[in-house]
Amino acid sequence: MKKIPNALTIFRIALAPVFIYVYFSKFENHHLIALSVFLLASLTDVLDGYLARKYNVISKLGIALDPLADKIMLLSVLASFYSDNLIPAIIFFLMLFIESTLIASGALVYFKKDLSVMPSNRLGKGATFAFTFAIVLVFLMPGSALSLAAVILAAMMKTAAFIG
């Protein structure tokens, strides 16, 4: 049980290139399959956090890899959407800046001798949920005003969490 949360996180990291491959493939229903890959990654994110807390198997590696996996998947999805002109450039590049900054600062914290965990705040958790919802909307209603509004709202929440 001790290694399952970290294994799920590593699996989630491995799903990012799978998502990109499927998203840009010529498979029948490739976007539906890509959405399924994204939702599977989202489910493993919830599951690994739940298991780590329930069984008290929180590790330094897990503390570092879990947010990294989230950022890699989010950036993979947003890059794919940007490539298909489904989201504005400003959203993609703003999220690229924020997530890259968080990855770099997370790496610095990880390599410090005394690991200090910076817990995510409620706005950050809300932004993650908002992005998950927005991504599903973009898949189901590409180019719609509703999906664009959801992406903009999620980006605003992510930016507020980053600043605050």
Protein backbone atom coordinates (compact mmCIF):
# COMPACT_ATOMS: atom_id res chain seq x y z
CA MET A 1 0.00 0.00 0.00
CA LYS A 2 2.90 2.30 0.79
CA LYS A 3 4.02 2.70 -2.82
CA ILE A 4 0.62 2.84 -4.54
CA PRO A 5 0.10 6.64 -4.29
CA ASN A 6 3.52 7.33 -5.86
CA ALA A 7 2.91 4.67 -8.53
CA LEU A 8 -0.38 6.38 -9.41
CA THR A 9 1.38 9.74 -9.64
CA ILE A 10 4.07 8.30 -11.93
CA PHE A 11 1.32 6.69 -14.01
CA ARG A 12 -0.33 10.14 -14.27
CA ILE A 13 2.92 11.65 -15.54
CA ALA A 14 3.13 8.86 -18.13
CA LEU A 15 -0.40 9.65 -19.27
CA ALA A 16 0.58 13.16 -20.46
CA PRO A 17 2.46 11.99 -23.59
CA VAL A 18 -0.29 9.41 -24.17
CA PHE A 19 -2.81 12.25 -24.08
CA ILE A 20 -0.82 14.28 -26.63
CA TYR A 21 -0.33 11.29 -28.91
CA VAL A 22 -4.01 10.37 -28.86
CA TYR A 23 -5.20 13.99 -29.15
CA PHE A 24 -3.24 14.55 -32.37
CA SER A 25 -3.76 11.06 -33.78
CA LYS A 26 -6.05 10.16 -36.61
CA PHE A 27 -7.83 7.50 -34.58
CA GLU A 28 -11.57 7.43 -34.89
CA ASN A 29 -12.97 9.40 -31.92
CA HIS A 30 -9.45 10.51 -30.97
CA HIS A 31 -10.70 13.53 -29.03
CA LEU A 32 -13.11 11.37 -27.03
CA ILE A 33 -10.26 8.97 -26.26
CA ALA A 34 -8.01 11.91 -25.30
CA LEU A 35 -10.73 13.18 -22.98
CA SER A 36 -10.89 9.71 -21.43
CA VAL A 37 -7.12 9.78 -20.87
CA PHE A 38 -7.43 13.19 -19.22
CA LEU A 39 -10.29 12.00 -16.99
CA LEU A 40 -8.32 8.89 -16.03
CA ALA A 41 -5.42 11.14 -15.02
CA SER A 42 -7.81 13.30 -12.99
CA LEU A 43 -9.21 10.22 -11.26
CA THR A 44 -5.73 8.94 -10.37
CA ASP A 45 -4.93 12.39 -8.93
CA VAL A 46 -7.87 12.14 -6.55
CA LEU A 47 -7.15 8.50 -5.74
CA ASP A 48 -3.44 8.91 -4.98
CA GLY A 49 -4.13 11.84 -2.64
CA TYR A 50 -6.87 9.94 -0.88
CA LEU A 51 -4.73 6.82 -0.40
CA ALA A 52 -1.70 8.78 0.77
CA ARG A 53 -3.73 10.58 3.43
CA LYS A 54 -5.87 7.61 4.47
CA TYR A 55 -2.90 5.29 4.98
CA ASN A 56 -0.48 8.04 6.05
CA VAL A 57 2.03 7.15 3.34
CA ILE A 58 2.96 10.69 2.38
CA SER A 59 6.52 10.78 1.05
CA LYS A 60 9.00 13.44 -0.03
CA LEU A 61 8.88 12.00 -3.55
CA GLY A 62 5.09 12.10 -3.61
CA ILE A 63 5.03 15.67 -2.30
CA ALA A 64 7.25 16.67 -5.22
CA LEU A 65 5.79 14.51 -7.99
CA ASP A 66 2.07 15.02 -7.36
CA PRO A 67 1.95 18.74 -8.24
CA LEU A 68 4.45 18.12 -11.05
CA ALA A 69 2.11 15.52 -12.56
CA ASP A 70 -0.79 17.97 -12.34
CA LYS A 71 1.19 20.68 -14.08
CA ILE A 72 2.48 18.40 -16.83
CA MET A 73 -1.03 17.18 -17.65
CA LEU A 74 -2.57 20.65 -17.54
CA LEU A 75 0.12 22.10 -19.79
CA SER A 76 -0.19 19.15 -22.19
CA VAL A 77 -3.92 19.73 -22.54
CA LEU A 78 -3.63 23.50 -22.84
CA ALA A 79 -0.82 23.22 -25.41
CA SER A 80 -3.00 20.86 -27.44
CA PHE A 81 -5.97 23.23 -27.24
CA TYR A 82 -3.79 26.22 -28.13
CA SER A 83 -2.38 24.32 -31.10
CA ASP A 84 -5.95 23.77 -32.33
CA ASN A 85 -6.91 27.42 -31.68
CA LEU A 86 -9.43 26.37 -29.03
CA ILE A 87 -8.02 28.70 -26.38
CA PRO A 88 -6.40 32.14 -26.73
CA ALA A 89 -2.62 32.43 -26.73
CA ILE A 90 -2.70 34.61 -23.62
CA ILE A 91 -4.31 31.80 -21.59
CA PHE A 92 -1.77 29.23 -22.73
CA PHE A 93 1.27 31.46 -22.17
CA LEU A 94 0.01 32.75 -18.82
CA MET A 95 -0.53 29.19 -17.58
CA LEU A 96 2.85 28.15 -19.03
CA PHE A 97 4.50 30.96 -17.06
CA ILE A 98 2.65 30.20 -13.82
CA GLU A 99 3.09 26.43 -13.97
CA SER A 100 6.76 26.68 -15.01
CA THR A 101 7.43 29.06 -12.13
CA LEU A 102 5.73 26.67 -9.73
CA ILE A 103 7.70 23.72 -11.12
CA ALA A 104 10.98 25.61 -10.65
CA SER A 105 10.12 26.71 -7.12
CA GLY A 106 8.95 23.17 -6.28
CA ALA A 107 12.28 21.80 -7.48
CA LEU A 108 14.13 24.26 -5.23
CA VAL A 109 12.04 23.21 -2.23
CA TYR A 110 12.54 19.52 -3.04
CA PHE A 111 16.32 19.80 -3.06
CA LYS A 112 16.52 21.76 0.19
CA LYS A 113 17.67 19.71 3.15
CA ASP A 114 14.67 20.56 5.27
CA LEU A 115 11.66 19.87 3.11
CA SER A 116 9.03 22.48 3.76
CA VAL A 117 5.73 21.68 2.18
CA MET A 118 3.73 24.56 0.77
CA PRO A 119 0.16 23.34 0.94
CA SER A 120 -2.20 24.26 -1.85
CA ASN A 121 -4.80 26.82 -0.92
CA ARG A 122 -8.53 26.56 -1.49
CA LEU A 123 -8.36 28.86 -4.50
CA GLY A 124 -5.71 26.60 -6.03
CA LYS A 125 -7.87 23.53 -5.45
CA GLY A 126 -10.85 25.41 -6.87
CA ALA A 127 -8.80 26.42 -9.91
CA THR A 128 -7.84 22.78 -10.48
CA PHE A 129 -11.50 21.76 -10.36
CA ALA A 130 -12.44 24.71 -12.61
CA PHE A 131 -9.80 23.72 -15.17
CA THR A 132 -11.00 20.11 -15.12
CA PHE A 133 -14.55 21.31 -15.78
CA ALA A 134 -13.38 23.78 -18.45
CA ILE A 135 -11.32 21.13 -20.22
CA VAL A 136 -14.31 18.80 -20.36
CA LEU A 137 -16.38 21.66 -21.79
CA VAL A 138 -13.78 22.41 -24.45
CA PHE A 139 -13.85 18.77 -25.50
CA LEU A 140 -17.64 18.59 -25.54
CA MET A 141 -18.32 22.08 -26.95
CA PRO A 142 -15.16 23.19 -28.77
CA GLY A 143 -15.16 26.86 -29.69
CA SER A 144 -18.28 27.67 -27.69
CA ALA A 145 -18.62 30.85 -25.66
CA LEU A 146 -19.36 28.73 -22.58
CA SER A 147 -16.19 26.66 -22.86
CA LEU A 148 -14.11 29.79 -23.47
CA ALA A 149 -15.69 31.51 -20.45
CA ALA A 150 -14.95 28.45 -18.31
CA VAL A 151 -11.29 28.43 -19.42
CA ILE A 152 -10.95 32.15 -18.72
CA LEU A 153 -12.52 31.77 -15.27
CA ALA A 154 -10.22 28.83 -14.45
CA ALA A 155 -7.18 30.84 -15.61
CA MET A 156 -8.27 33.79 -13.47
CA MET A 157 -8.62 31.51 -10.45
CA LYS A 158 -5.22 29.92 -11.11
CA THR A 159 -3.66 33.39 -11.44
CA ALA A 160 -5.28 34.58 -8.20
CA ALA A 161 -4.03 31.47 -6.39
CA PHE A 162 -0.54 32.04 -7.78
CA ILE A 163 -0.47 35.69 -6.73
CA GLY A 164 -2.16 35.16 -3.36
